[in-house]
PDB file of N, CA and C in Angstrom:
ATOM      1  N   UNK A   1      62.967 179.856 -39.274  1.00  0.00           N
ATOM      2  CA  UNK A   1      62.794 179.328 -37.948  1.00  0.00           C
ATOM      3  C   UNK A   1      61.299 179.188 -37.701  1.00  0.00           C
ATOM      4  N   UNK A   2      60.795 178.008 -37.900  1.00  0.00           N
ATOM      5  CA  UNK A   2      59.366 177.801 -37.678  1.00  0.00           C
ATOM      6  C   UNK A   2      59.156 176.912 -36.465  1.00  0.00           C
ATOM      7  N   UNK A   3      58.048 177.136 -35.815  1.00  0.00           N
ATOM      8  CA  UNK A   3      57.704 176.361 -34.627  1.00  0.00           C
ATOM      9  C   UNK A   3      56.729 175.257 -34.991  1.00  0.00           C
ATOM     10  N   UNK A   4      56.812 174.165 -34.272  1.00  0.00           N
ATOM     11  CA  UNK A   4      55.813 173.120 -34.449  1.00  0.00           C
ATOM     12  C   UNK A   4      54.498 173.622 -33.853  1.00  0.00           C
ATOM     13  N   UNK A   5      53.415 172.950 -34.175  1.00  0.00           N
ATOM     14  CA  UNK A   5      52.103 173.362 -33.688  1.00  0.00           C
ATOM     15  C   UNK A   5      52.068 173.405 -32.164  1.00  0.00           C
ATOM     16  N   UNK A   6      52.707 172.434 -31.527  1.00  0.00           N
ATOM     17  CA  UNK A   6      52.709 172.365 -30.065  1.00  0.00           C
ATOM     18  C   UNK A   6      53.499 173.514 -29.431  1.00  0.00           C
ATOM     19  N   UNK A   7      54.483 174.052 -30.154  1.00  0.00           N
ATOM     20  CA  UNK A   7      55.318 175.127 -29.606  1.00  0.00           C
ATOM     21  C   UNK A   7      54.747 176.520 -29.871  1.00  0.00           C
ATOM     22  N   UNK A   8      53.800 176.619 -30.799  1.00  0.00           N
ATOM     23  CA  UNK A   8      53.219 177.913 -31.143  1.00  0.00           C
ATOM     24  C   UNK A   8      52.242 178.350 -30.050  1.00  0.00           C
ATOM     25  N   UNK A   9      52.141 179.659 -29.838  1.00  0.00           N
ATOM     26  CA  UNK A   9      51.227 180.174 -28.817  1.00  0.00           C
ATOM     27  C   UNK A   9      50.430 181.341 -29.367  1.00  0.00           C
ATOM     28  N   UNK A  10      49.322 181.610 -28.728  1.00  0.00           N
ATOM     29  CA  UNK A  10      48.531 182.801 -29.010  1.00  0.00           C
ATOM     30  C   UNK A  10      48.717 183.745 -27.832  1.00  0.00           C
ATOM     31  N   UNK A  11      48.908 185.009 -28.151  1.00  0.00           N
ATOM     32  CA  UNK A  11      49.071 185.997 -27.090  1.00  0.00           C
ATOM     33  C   UNK A  11      47.922 186.990 -27.151  1.00  0.00           C
ATOM     34  N   UNK A  12      47.454 187.402 -26.013  1.00  0.00           N
ATOM     35  CA  UNK A  12      46.424 188.427 -25.954  1.00  0.00           C
ATOM     36  C   UNK A  12      47.056 189.774 -26.266  1.00  0.00           C
ATOM     37  N   UNK A  13      46.299 190.639 -26.919  1.00  0.00           N
ATOM     38  CA  UNK A  13      46.828 191.939 -27.309  1.00  0.00           C
ATOM     39  C   UNK A  13      47.329 192.728 -26.100  1.00  0.00           C
ATOM     40  N   UNK A  14      46.630 192.626 -24.980  1.00  0.00           N
ATOM     41  CA  UNK A  14      47.053 193.399 -23.799  1.00  0.00           C
ATOM     42  C   UNK A  14      48.357 192.883 -23.191  1.00  0.00           C
ATOM     43  N   UNK A  15      48.793 191.689 -23.593  1.00  0.00           N
ATOM     44  CA  UNK A  15      50.053 191.142 -23.084  1.00  0.00           C
ATOM     45  C   UNK A  15      51.264 191.521 -23.941  1.00  0.00           C
ATOM     46  N   UNK A  16      51.017 192.210 -25.053  1.00  0.00           N
ATOM     47  CA  UNK A  16      52.095 192.553 -25.984  1.00  0.00           C
ATOM     48  C   UNK A  16      52.363 194.049 -25.911  1.00  0.00           C
ATOM     49  N   UNK A  17      53.627 194.429 -25.998  1.00  0.00           N
ATOM     50  CA  UNK A  17      54.038 195.830 -25.996  1.00  0.00           C
ATOM     51  C   UNK A  17      53.310 196.576 -27.121  1.00  0.00           C
ATOM     52  N   UNK A  18      52.567 197.648 -26.805  1.00  0.00           N
ATOM     53  CA  UNK A  18      51.824 198.389 -27.829  1.00  0.00           C
ATOM     54  C   UNK A  18      52.708 198.898 -28.970  1.00  0.00           C
ATOM     55  N   UNK A  19      53.955 199.229 -28.661  1.00  0.00           N
ATOM     56  CA  UNK A  19      54.866 199.684 -29.713  1.00  0.00           C
ATOM     57  C   UNK A  19      55.148 198.570 -30.713  1.00  0.00           C
ATOM     58  N   UNK A  20      55.255 197.342 -30.227  1.00  0.00           N
ATOM     59  CA  UNK A  20      55.491 196.195 -31.111  1.00  0.00           C
ATOM     60  C   UNK A  20      54.271 195.948 -32.004  1.00  0.00           C
ATOM     61  N   UNK A  21      53.080 196.138 -31.458  1.00  0.00           N
ATOM     62  CA  UNK A  21      51.860 195.979 -32.255  1.00  0.00           C
ATOM     63  C   UNK A  21      51.813 197.049 -33.337  1.00  0.00           C
ATOM     64  N   UNK A  22      52.131 198.287 -32.958  1.00  0.00           N
ATOM     65  CA  UNK A  22      52.137 199.386 -33.923  1.00  0.00           C
ATOM     66  C   UNK A  22      53.170 199.119 -35.021  1.00  0.00           C
ATOM     67  N   UNK A  23      54.347 198.642 -34.634  1.00  0.00           N
ATOM     68  CA  UNK A  23      55.396 198.322 -35.604  1.00  0.00           C
ATOM     69  C   UNK A  23      54.917 197.230 -36.569  1.00  0.00           C
ATOM     70  N   UNK A  24      54.281 196.200 -36.031  1.00  0.00           N
ATOM     71  CA  UNK A  24      53.756 195.118 -36.863  1.00  0.00           C
ATOM     72  C   UNK A  24      52.732 195.649 -37.860  1.00  0.00           C
ATOM     73  N   UNK A  25      51.811 196.483 -37.389  1.00  0.00           N
ATOM     74  CA  UNK A  25      50.775 197.019 -38.270  1.00  0.00           C
ATOM     75  C   UNK A  25      51.374 197.873 -39.378  1.00  0.00           C
ATOM     76  N   UNK A  26      52.432 198.615 -39.066  1.00  0.00           N
ATOM     77  CA  UNK A  26      53.078 199.456 -40.077  1.00  0.00           C
ATOM     78  C   UNK A  26      53.748 198.624 -41.163  1.00  0.00           C
ATOM     79  N   UNK A  27      54.422 197.555 -40.771  1.00  0.00           N
ATOM     80  CA  UNK A  27      55.114 196.765 -41.790  1.00  0.00           C
ATOM     81  C   UNK A  27      54.149 195.901 -42.596  1.00  0.00           C
ATOM     82  N   UNK A  28      52.909 195.773 -42.144  1.00  0.00           N
ATOM     83  CA  UNK A  28      51.908 195.028 -42.906  1.00  0.00           C
ATOM     84  C   UNK A  28      51.288 195.867 -44.019  1.00  0.00           C
ATOM     85  N   UNK A  29      51.447 197.187 -43.961  1.00  0.00           N
ATOM     86  CA  UNK A  29      50.891 198.068 -44.986  1.00  0.00           C
ATOM     87  C   UNK A  29      51.768 197.996 -46.233  1.00  0.00           C
ATOM     88  N   UNK A  30      51.146 197.909 -47.410  1.00  0.00           N
ATOM     89  CA  UNK A  30      51.965 197.922 -48.624  1.00  0.00           C
ATOM     90  C   UNK A  30      52.582 199.306 -48.826  1.00  0.00           C
ATOM     91  N   UNK A  31      53.731 199.377 -49.466  1.00  0.00           N
ATOM     92  CA  UNK A  31      54.343 200.683 -49.734  1.00  0.00           C
ATOM     93  C   UNK A  31      53.384 201.549 -50.551  1.00  0.00           C
ATOM     94  N   UNK A  32      53.458 202.872 -50.392  1.00  0.00           N
ATOM     95  CA  UNK A  32      52.518 203.767 -51.082  1.00  0.00           C
ATOM     96  C   UNK A  32      52.470 203.546 -52.591  1.00  0.00           C
ATOM     97  N   UNK A  33      53.599 203.259 -53.214  1.00  0.00           N
ATOM     98  CA  UNK A  33      53.602 203.098 -54.663  1.00  0.00           C
ATOM     99  C   UNK A  33      52.961 201.785 -55.109  1.00  0.00           C
ATOM    100  N   UNK A  34      52.654 200.879 -54.189  1.00  0.00           N
ATOM    101  CA  UNK A  34      52.016 199.613 -54.542  1.00  0.00           C
ATOM    102  C   UNK A  34      50.553 199.552 -54.122  1.00  0.00           C
ATOM    103  N   UNK A  35      50.070 200.564 -53.449  1.00  0.00           N
ATOM    104  CA  UNK A  35      48.697 200.516 -52.939  1.00  0.00           C
ATOM    105  C   UNK A  35      47.663 200.537 -54.054  1.00  0.00           C
ATOM    106  N   UNK A  36      47.928 201.282 -55.110  1.00  0.00           N
ATOM    107  CA  UNK A  36      46.982 201.324 -56.222  1.00  0.00           C
ATOM    108  C   UNK A  36      47.771 201.295 -57.522  1.00  0.00           C
ATOM    109  N   UNK A  37      47.657 200.200 -58.211  1.00  0.00           N
ATOM    110  CA  UNK A  37      48.323 200.055 -59.494  1.00  0.00           C
ATOM    111  C   UNK A  37      47.254 199.854 -60.550  1.00  0.00           C
ATOM    112  N   UNK A  38      47.286 200.685 -61.566  1.00  0.00           N
ATOM    113  CA  UNK A  38      46.334 200.532 -62.656  1.00  0.00           C
ATOM    114  C   UNK A  38      46.643 199.248 -63.410  1.00  0.00           C
ATOM    115  N   UNK A  39      45.631 198.473 -63.650  1.00  0.00           N
ATOM    116  CA  UNK A  39      45.807 197.227 -64.394  1.00  0.00           C
ATOM    117  C   UNK A  39      45.776 197.543 -65.888  1.00  0.00           C
ATOM    118  N   UNK A  40      46.794 197.099 -66.621  1.00  0.00           N
ATOM    119  CA  UNK A  40      46.788 197.341 -68.069  1.00  0.00           C
ATOM    120  C   UNK A  40      45.661 196.557 -68.743  1.00  0.00           C
ATOM    121  N   UNK A  41      45.322 196.955 -69.940  1.00  0.00           N
ATOM    122  CA  UNK A  41      44.271 196.241 -70.666  1.00  0.00           C
ATOM    123  C   UNK A  41      44.776 194.855 -71.066  1.00  0.00           C
ATOM    124  N   UNK A  42      43.874 193.887 -71.181  1.00  0.00           N
ATOM    125  CA  UNK A  42      44.275 192.515 -71.536  1.00  0.00           C
ATOM    126  C   UNK A  42      45.045 192.433 -72.850  1.00  0.00           C
ATOM    127  N   UNK A  43      44.778 193.354 -73.766  1.00  0.00           N
ATOM    128  CA  UNK A  43      45.469 193.334 -75.056  1.00  0.00           C
ATOM    129  C   UNK A  43      46.968 193.596 -74.919  1.00  0.00           C
ATOM    130  N   UNK A  44      47.376 194.198 -73.826  1.00  0.00           N
ATOM    131  CA  UNK A  44      48.795 194.532 -73.635  1.00  0.00           C
ATOM    132  C   UNK A  44      49.611 193.392 -73.029  1.00  0.00           C
ATOM    133  N   UNK A  45      48.937 192.312 -72.630  1.00  0.00           N
ATOM    134  CA  UNK A  45      49.662 191.184 -72.038  1.00  0.00           C
ATOM    135  C   UNK A  45      50.566 190.544 -73.072  1.00  0.00           C
ATOM    136  N   UNK A  46      51.807 190.265 -72.674  1.00  0.00           N
ATOM    137  CA  UNK A  46      52.756 189.566 -73.538  1.00  0.00           C
ATOM    138  C   UNK A  46      53.352 188.416 -72.750  1.00  0.00           C
ATOM    139  N   UNK A  47      53.361 187.269 -73.373  1.00  0.00           N
ATOM    140  CA  UNK A  47      53.919 186.084 -72.730  1.00  0.00           C
ATOM    141  C   UNK A  47      55.421 186.264 -72.551  1.00  0.00           C
ATOM    142  N   UNK A  48      55.911 185.922 -71.361  1.00  0.00           N
ATOM    143  CA  UNK A  48      57.349 185.956 -71.113  1.00  0.00           C
ATOM    144  C   UNK A  48      57.958 184.694 -71.709  1.00  0.00           C
ATOM    145  N   UNK A  49      58.873 184.868 -72.638  1.00  0.00           N
ATOM    146  CA  UNK A  49      59.509 183.714 -73.281  1.00  0.00           C
ATOM    147  C   UNK A  49      60.748 183.266 -72.517  1.00  0.00           C
ATOM    148  N   UNK A  50      61.402 184.221 -71.857  1.00  0.00           N
ATOM    149  CA  UNK A  50      62.633 183.927 -71.126  1.00  0.00           C
ATOM    150  C   UNK A  50      62.594 184.607 -69.768  1.00  0.00           C
ATOM    151  N   UNK A  51      63.328 184.048 -68.846  1.00  0.00           N
ATOM    152  CA  UNK A  51      63.439 184.634 -67.512  1.00  0.00           C
ATOM    153  C   UNK A  51      64.447 185.773 -67.537  1.00  0.00           C
ATOM    154  N   UNK A  52      64.199 186.762 -66.725  1.00  0.00           N
ATOM    155  CA  UNK A  52      65.237 187.774 -66.517  1.00  0.00           C
ATOM    156  C   UNK A  52      66.278 187.178 -65.590  1.00  0.00           C
ATOM    157  N   UNK A  53      67.423 187.810 -65.496  1.00  0.00           N
ATOM    158  CA  UNK A  53      68.456 187.345 -64.574  1.00  0.00           C
ATOM    159  C   UNK A  53      68.166 187.883 -63.182  1.00  0.00           C
ATOM    160  N   UNK A  54      68.284 187.007 -62.217  1.00  0.00           N
ATOM    161  CA  UNK A  54      68.119 187.374 -60.820  1.00  0.00           C
ATOM    162  C   UNK A  54      69.486 187.391 -60.153  1.00  0.00           C
ATOM    163  N   UNK A  55      69.517 187.600 -58.859  1.00  0.00           N
ATOM    164  CA  UNK A  55      70.765 187.660 -58.112  1.00  0.00           C
ATOM    165  C   UNK A  55      71.620 186.422 -58.399  1.00  0.00           C
ATOM    166  N   UNK A  56      72.902 186.637 -58.496  1.00  0.00           N
ATOM    167  CA  UNK A  56      73.884 185.573 -58.756  1.00  0.00           C
ATOM    168  C   UNK A  56      73.658 184.872 -60.093  1.00  0.00           C
ATOM    169  N   UNK A  57      73.031 185.558 -61.038  1.00  0.00           N
ATOM    170  CA  UNK A  57      72.827 184.990 -62.364  1.00  0.00           C
ATOM    171  C   UNK A  57      71.745 183.930 -62.438  1.00  0.00           C
ATOM    172  N   UNK A  58      70.954 183.792 -61.387  1.00  0.00           N
ATOM    173  CA  UNK A  58      69.885 182.788 -61.387  1.00  0.00           C
ATOM    174  C   UNK A  58      68.767 183.198 -62.337  1.00  0.00           C
ATOM    175  N   UNK A  59      68.062 182.209 -62.850  1.00  0.00           N
ATOM    176  CA  UNK A  59      66.907 182.439 -63.711  1.00  0.00           C
ATOM    177  C   UNK A  59      65.776 181.514 -63.276  1.00  0.00           C
ATOM    178  N   UNK A  60      64.560 181.881 -63.685  1.00  0.00           N
ATOM    179  CA  UNK A  60      63.419 181.024 -63.383  1.00  0.00           C
ATOM    180  C   UNK A  60      63.537 179.726 -64.166  1.00  0.00           C
ATOM    181  N   UNK A  61      63.100 178.652 -63.549  1.00  0.00           N
ATOM    182  CA  UNK A  61      63.018 177.371 -64.263  1.00  0.00           C
ATOM    183  C   UNK A  61      61.795 177.418 -65.178  1.00  0.00           C
ATOM    184  N   UNK A  62      61.739 176.475 -66.105  1.00  0.00           N
ATOM    185  CA  UNK A  62      60.656 176.484 -67.092  1.00  0.00           C
ATOM    186  C   UNK A  62      59.280 176.465 -66.425  1.00  0.00           C
ATOM    187  N   UNK A  63      59.098 175.633 -65.407  1.00  0.00           N
ATOM    188  CA  UNK A  63      57.787 175.558 -64.746  1.00  0.00           C
ATOM    189  C   UNK A  63      57.490 176.839 -63.966  1.00  0.00           C
ATOM    190  N   UNK A  64      58.534 177.518 -63.467  1.00  0.00           N
ATOM    191  CA  UNK A  64      58.322 178.778 -62.763  1.00  0.00           C
ATOM    192  C   UNK A  64      57.920 179.872 -63.747  1.00  0.00           C
ATOM    193  N   UNK A  65      58.547 179.865 -64.917  1.00  0.00           N
ATOM    194  CA  UNK A  65      58.203 180.826 -65.958  1.00  0.00           C
ATOM    195  C   UNK A  65      56.756 180.613 -66.415  1.00  0.00           C
ATOM    196  N   UNK A  66      56.357 179.353 -66.533  1.00  0.00           N
ATOM    197  CA  UNK A  66      54.969 179.039 -66.890  1.00  0.00           C
ATOM    198  C   UNK A  66      54.013 179.571 -65.817  1.00  0.00           C
ATOM    199  N   UNK A  67      54.367 179.402 -64.554  1.00  0.00           N
ATOM    200  CA  UNK A  67      53.546 179.920 -63.464  1.00  0.00           C
ATOM    201  C   UNK A  67      53.475 181.434 -63.466  1.00  0.00           C
ATOM    202  N   UNK A  68      54.594 182.087 -63.748  1.00  0.00           N
ATOM    203  CA  UNK A  68      54.622 183.553 -63.820  1.00  0.00           C
ATOM    204  C   UNK A  68      53.716 184.034 -64.947  1.00  0.00           C
ATOM    205  N   UNK A  69      53.777 183.378 -66.104  1.00  0.00           N
ATOM    206  CA  UNK A  69      52.904 183.743 -67.218  1.00  0.00           C
ATOM    207  C   UNK A  69      51.438 183.555 -66.852  1.00  0.00           C
ATOM    208  N   UNK A  70      51.122 182.478 -66.147  1.00  0.00           N
ATOM    209  CA  UNK A  70      49.744 182.227 -65.740  1.00  0.00           C
ATOM    210  C   UNK A  70      49.254 183.336 -64.803  1.00  0.00           C
ATOM    211  N   UNK A  71      50.092 183.693 -63.820  1.00  0.00           N
ATOM    212  CA  UNK A  71      49.713 184.756 -62.883  1.00  0.00           C
ATOM    213  C   UNK A  71      49.500 186.080 -63.603  1.00  0.00           C
ATOM    214  N   UNK A  72      50.436 186.440 -64.475  1.00  0.00           N
ATOM    215  CA  UNK A  72      50.322 187.705 -65.200  1.00  0.00           C
ATOM    216  C   UNK A  72      49.106 187.720 -66.118  1.00  0.00           C
ATOM    217  N   UNK A  73      48.884 186.625 -66.836  1.00  0.00           N
ATOM    218  CA  UNK A  73      47.731 186.541 -67.729  1.00  0.00           C
ATOM    219  C   UNK A  73      46.435 186.764 -66.948  1.00  0.00           C
ATOM    220  N   UNK A  74      46.311 186.108 -65.815  1.00  0.00           N
ATOM    221  CA  UNK A  74      45.095 186.249 -65.013  1.00  0.00           C
ATOM    222  C   UNK A  74      44.964 187.635 -64.414  1.00  0.00           C
ATOM    223  N   UNK A  75      46.080 188.274 -64.078  1.00  0.00           N
ATOM    224  CA  UNK A  75      46.018 189.631 -63.542  1.00  0.00           C
ATOM    225  C   UNK A  75      45.553 190.599 -64.630  1.00  0.00           C
ATOM    226  N   UNK A  76      46.096 190.463 -65.834  1.00  0.00           N
ATOM    227  CA  UNK A  76      45.688 191.333 -66.936  1.00  0.00           C
ATOM    228  C   UNK A  76      44.221 191.123 -67.302  1.00  0.00           C
ATOM    229  N   UNK A  77      43.742 189.901 -67.185  1.00  0.00           N
ATOM    230  CA  UNK A  77      42.396 189.564 -67.649  1.00  0.00           C
ATOM    231  C   UNK A  77      41.358 189.497 -66.539  1.00  0.00           C
ATOM    232  N   UNK A  78      41.664 190.018 -65.414  1.00  0.00           N
ATOM    233  CA  UNK A  78      40.718 189.982 -64.298  1.00  0.00           C
ATOM    234  C   UNK A  78      39.558 190.915 -64.540  1.00  0.00           C
TER     235      UNK A  78
END
């Protein structure tokens, strides 16, 4: 459900329920186990040849698998 530019509004912080702001800030924090992940050495990178199975037996398309490999390669080699 997205709004057009004309329908979108900006609200001042003082006009919003403080509990809602606190709730928003909490859900924006990454889970504790994702806050610091050690990056493996570049030598450990392995190209994904096939997609794993996702919900309902779906798999990544070839171009998506290529994109995933590109992202992983760059993460390992950063």
